[in-house]
Amino acid sequence: PKEDSKRVMTFANEGDYISFRHHVFVKVNNKEVQLAEVGPRFEMRLYEIKLGTVELKAADTEWVLRPYQRTARKRDRL
């Protein structure tokens, strides 16, 4: 990071969503910093985790989101 940079990017995990935010900070004094949210923000939902790097075509899948995987108990009610 640059020493004179004033922008901070935040990745926060809440529930099953990853929130991405841009903040600008200003030092008030030696112990206090004020944050102001600016610019684009979005939320991502994880759908797959693969072992390895992006370049690997044959990477093993560690986890996959399957929203309708456990619906056997609900079928009687629907």
C-alpha atoms as a PDB file:
ATOM      1  CA  PRO A   1       0.000   0.000   0.000  1.00  0.00           C
ATOM      2  CA  LYS A   2       1.006   3.580  -0.565  1.00  0.00           C
ATOM      3  CA  GLU A   3       1.762   5.694   2.493  1.00  0.00           C
ATOM      4  CA  ASP A   4      -0.263   8.673   1.246  1.00  0.00           C
ATOM      5  CA  SER A   5      -3.321   6.572   0.273  1.00  0.00           C
ATOM      6  CA  LYS A   6      -6.604   7.496   1.970  1.00  0.00           C
ATOM      7  CA  ARG A   7      -8.849   4.722   0.589  1.00  0.00           C
ATOM      8  CA  VAL A   8      -9.607   1.460   2.371  1.00  0.00           C
ATOM      9  CA  MET A   9     -11.523  -1.516   0.974  1.00  0.00           C
ATOM     10  CA  THR A  10     -13.472  -3.730   3.366  1.00  0.00           C
ATOM     11  CA  PHE A  11     -14.491  -7.355   2.901  1.00  0.00           C
ATOM     12  CA  ALA A  12     -16.912  -8.385   5.646  1.00  0.00           C
ATOM     13  CA  ASN A  13     -18.508 -11.803   6.030  1.00  0.00           C
ATOM     14  CA  GLU A  14     -22.049 -11.663   7.430  1.00  0.00           C
ATOM     15  CA  GLY A  15     -24.199 -14.745   7.220  1.00  0.00           C
ATOM     16  CA  ASP A  16     -23.493 -16.360   3.868  1.00  0.00           C
ATOM     17  CA  TYR A  17     -22.762 -13.066   2.116  1.00  0.00           C
ATOM     18  CA  ILE A  18     -19.472 -11.222   1.581  1.00  0.00           C
ATOM     19  CA  SER A  19     -19.969  -7.450   1.643  1.00  0.00           C
ATOM     20  CA  PHE A  20     -17.504  -5.252  -0.236  1.00  0.00           C
ATOM     21  CA  ARG A  21     -17.218  -1.555   0.701  1.00  0.00           C
ATOM     22  CA  HIS A  22     -14.980   1.419  -0.150  1.00  0.00           C
ATOM     23  CA  HIS A  23     -14.066   3.827   2.661  1.00  0.00           C
ATOM     24  CA  VAL A  24     -12.037   7.015   2.850  1.00  0.00           C
ATOM     25  CA  PHE A  25     -10.392   7.781   6.168  1.00  0.00           C
ATOM     26  CA  VAL A  26      -9.230  10.992   7.816  1.00  0.00           C
ATOM     27  CA  LYS A  27      -7.007  11.095  10.903  1.00  0.00           C
ATOM     28  CA  VAL A  28      -8.569  13.364  13.518  1.00  0.00           C
ATOM     29  CA  ASN A  29      -5.698  13.091  15.990  1.00  0.00           C
ATOM     30  CA  ASN A  30      -3.109  10.474  16.953  1.00  0.00           C
ATOM     31  CA  LYS A  31      -5.695   8.003  18.284  1.00  0.00           C
ATOM     32  CA  GLU A  32      -8.857   8.691  16.262  1.00  0.00           C
ATOM     33  CA  VAL A  33      -9.760   8.010  12.658  1.00  0.00           C
ATOM     34  CA  GLN A  34     -13.021   8.869  10.886  1.00  0.00           C
ATOM     35  CA  LEU A  35     -14.360   6.657   8.098  1.00  0.00           C
ATOM     36  CA  ALA A  36     -16.678   7.778   5.300  1.00  0.00           C
ATOM     37  CA  GLU A  37     -18.215   5.271   2.912  1.00  0.00           C
ATOM     38  CA  VAL A  38     -17.760   6.155  -0.765  1.00  0.00           C
ATOM     39  CA  GLY A  39     -17.964   4.587  -4.161  1.00  0.00           C
ATOM     40  CA  PRO A  40     -19.236   1.235  -5.306  1.00  0.00           C
ATOM     41  CA  ARG A  41     -20.422  -1.371  -2.869  1.00  0.00           C
ATOM     42  CA  PHE A  42     -21.858  -4.808  -3.430  1.00  0.00           C
ATOM     43  CA  GLU A  43     -22.572  -8.144  -1.811  1.00  0.00           C
ATOM     44  CA  MET A  44     -21.489 -11.534  -3.052  1.00  0.00           C
ATOM     45  CA  ARG A  45     -22.887 -14.933  -2.225  1.00  0.00           C
ATOM     46  CA  LEU A  46     -20.489 -17.838  -2.280  1.00  0.00           C
ATOM     47  CA  TYR A  47     -21.528 -20.638  -4.614  1.00  0.00           C
ATOM     48  CA  GLU A  48     -18.385 -22.765  -4.975  1.00  0.00           C
ATOM     49  CA  ILE A  49     -14.989 -23.357  -3.368  1.00  0.00           C
ATOM     50  CA  LYS A  50     -12.302 -25.055  -5.443  1.00  0.00           C
ATOM     51  CA  LEU A  51      -8.946 -26.330  -4.232  1.00  0.00           C
ATOM     52  CA  GLY A  52      -6.041 -24.849  -6.158  1.00  0.00           C
ATOM     53  CA  THR A  53      -5.548 -21.740  -8.264  1.00  0.00           C
ATOM     54  CA  VAL A  54      -7.647 -20.192 -11.011  1.00  0.00           C
ATOM     55  CA  GLU A  55      -5.374 -21.567 -13.756  1.00  0.00           C
ATOM     56  CA  LEU A  56      -6.023 -25.209 -12.792  1.00  0.00           C
ATOM     57  CA  LYS A  57      -8.690 -26.739 -15.035  1.00  0.00           C
ATOM     58  CA  ALA A  58      -8.921 -29.982 -13.050  1.00  0.00           C
ATOM     59  CA  ALA A  59      -9.160 -28.465  -9.560  1.00  0.00           C
ATOM     60  CA  ASP A  60     -11.078 -30.442  -6.948  1.00  0.00           C
ATOM     61  CA  THR A  61     -14.327 -28.913  -5.733  1.00  0.00           C
ATOM     62  CA  GLU A  62     -14.357 -28.595  -1.952  1.00  0.00           C
ATOM     63  CA  TRP A  63     -17.848 -27.097  -1.480  1.00  0.00           C
ATOM     64  CA  VAL A  64     -20.819 -26.236  -3.743  1.00  0.00           C
ATOM     65  CA  LEU A  65     -23.980 -24.314  -2.906  1.00  0.00           C
ATOM     66  CA  ARG A  66     -26.982 -26.554  -3.432  1.00  0.00           C
ATOM     67  CA  PRO A  67     -30.041 -24.611  -2.250  1.00  0.00           C
ATOM     68  CA  TYR A  68     -32.506 -27.431  -2.966  1.00  0.00           C
ATOM     69  CA  GLN A  69     -30.392 -30.244  -1.508  1.00  0.00           C
ATOM     70  CA  ARG A  70     -32.384 -30.937   1.687  1.00  0.00           C
ATOM     71  CA  THR A  71     -36.009 -30.581   0.663  1.00  0.00           C
ATOM     72  CA  ALA A  72     -37.252 -34.126   1.371  1.00  0.00           C
ATOM     73  CA  ARG A  73     -39.008 -33.076   4.604  1.00  0.00           C
ATOM     74  CA  LYS A  74     -40.653 -30.093   2.909  1.00  0.00           C
ATOM     75  CA  ARG A  75     -42.207 -32.078   0.055  1.00  0.00           C
ATOM     76  CA  ASP A  76     -45.070 -33.333   2.221  1.00  0.00           C
ATOM     77  CA  ARG A  77     -46.003 -29.757   3.136  1.00  0.00           C
ATOM     78  CA  LEU A  78     -45.782 -28.369  -0.373  1.00  0.00           C
END
